[in-house]
């Protein structure tokens, strides 16, 4: 039981950090121009919809 509790806690921490980093990357991508975003297959509107953050922590 303790093993599964620790595994679940660890997985939740990892998932939270992944979401946090995705918001950070989206914030950095928002500084790019529309043509560059189009070449990587996204847009300003899509990045805003996914959420963005300008800070790491």
Protein backbone atom coordinates (compact mmCIF):
# COMPACT_ATOMS: atom_id res chain seq x y z
CA UNK A 1 0.00 0.00 0.00
CA UNK A 2 2.78 2.45 0.87
CA UNK A 3 4.41 1.70 -2.43
CA UNK A 4 1.29 2.61 -4.41
CA UNK A 5 0.71 5.72 -2.30
CA UNK A 6 4.23 6.98 -2.97
CA UNK A 7 3.97 6.10 -6.66
CA UNK A 8 0.67 7.98 -6.98
CA UNK A 9 2.07 11.00 -5.13
CA UNK A 10 5.15 11.03 -7.35
CA UNK A 11 3.04 10.71 -10.52
CA UNK A 12 0.86 13.64 -9.45
CA UNK A 13 3.90 15.82 -8.79
CA UNK A 14 5.33 14.94 -12.20
CA UNK A 15 2.01 15.71 -13.92
CA UNK A 16 1.75 19.06 -12.15
CA UNK A 17 5.29 20.00 -13.19
CA UNK A 18 4.54 18.98 -16.79
CA UNK A 19 1.49 21.26 -16.85
CA UNK A 20 3.53 24.08 -15.32
CA UNK A 21 6.27 23.70 -17.94
CA UNK A 22 3.72 23.56 -20.76
CA UNK A 23 2.31 26.91 -19.59
CA UNK A 24 5.83 28.34 -19.42
CA UNK A 25 6.69 27.14 -22.94
CA UNK A 26 3.40 28.51 -24.27
CA UNK A 27 4.26 31.89 -22.72
CA UNK A 28 7.64 31.87 -24.46
CA UNK A 29 6.08 30.84 -27.77
CA UNK A 30 3.64 33.76 -27.54
CA UNK A 31 6.58 36.10 -28.07
CA UNK A 32 7.14 34.67 -31.57
CA UNK A 33 5.55 36.20 -34.66
CA UNK A 34 2.56 34.63 -36.40
CA UNK A 35 4.58 33.36 -39.39
CA UNK A 36 6.99 31.46 -37.15
CA UNK A 37 4.14 29.95 -35.14
CA UNK A 38 2.46 28.89 -38.37
CA UNK A 39 5.59 26.98 -39.42
CA UNK A 40 5.49 24.97 -36.20
CA UNK A 41 1.77 24.35 -36.57
CA UNK A 42 0.18 26.55 -33.92
CA UNK A 43 -1.24 30.04 -33.49
CA UNK A 44 -1.41 32.77 -30.86
CA UNK A 45 -5.06 31.97 -30.21
CA UNK A 46 -4.35 28.28 -29.63
CA UNK A 47 -1.51 29.08 -27.22
CA UNK A 48 -3.69 31.50 -25.26
CA UNK A 49 -6.46 28.89 -25.09
CA UNK A 50 -4.02 26.30 -23.68
CA UNK A 51 -2.82 28.77 -21.07
CA UNK A 52 0.42 30.66 -20.74
CA UNK A 53 2.68 31.89 -18.01
CA UNK A 54 5.66 34.22 -18.16
CA UNK A 55 7.36 32.86 -15.06
CA UNK A 56 8.88 29.49 -14.27
CA UNK A 57 7.90 29.09 -10.62
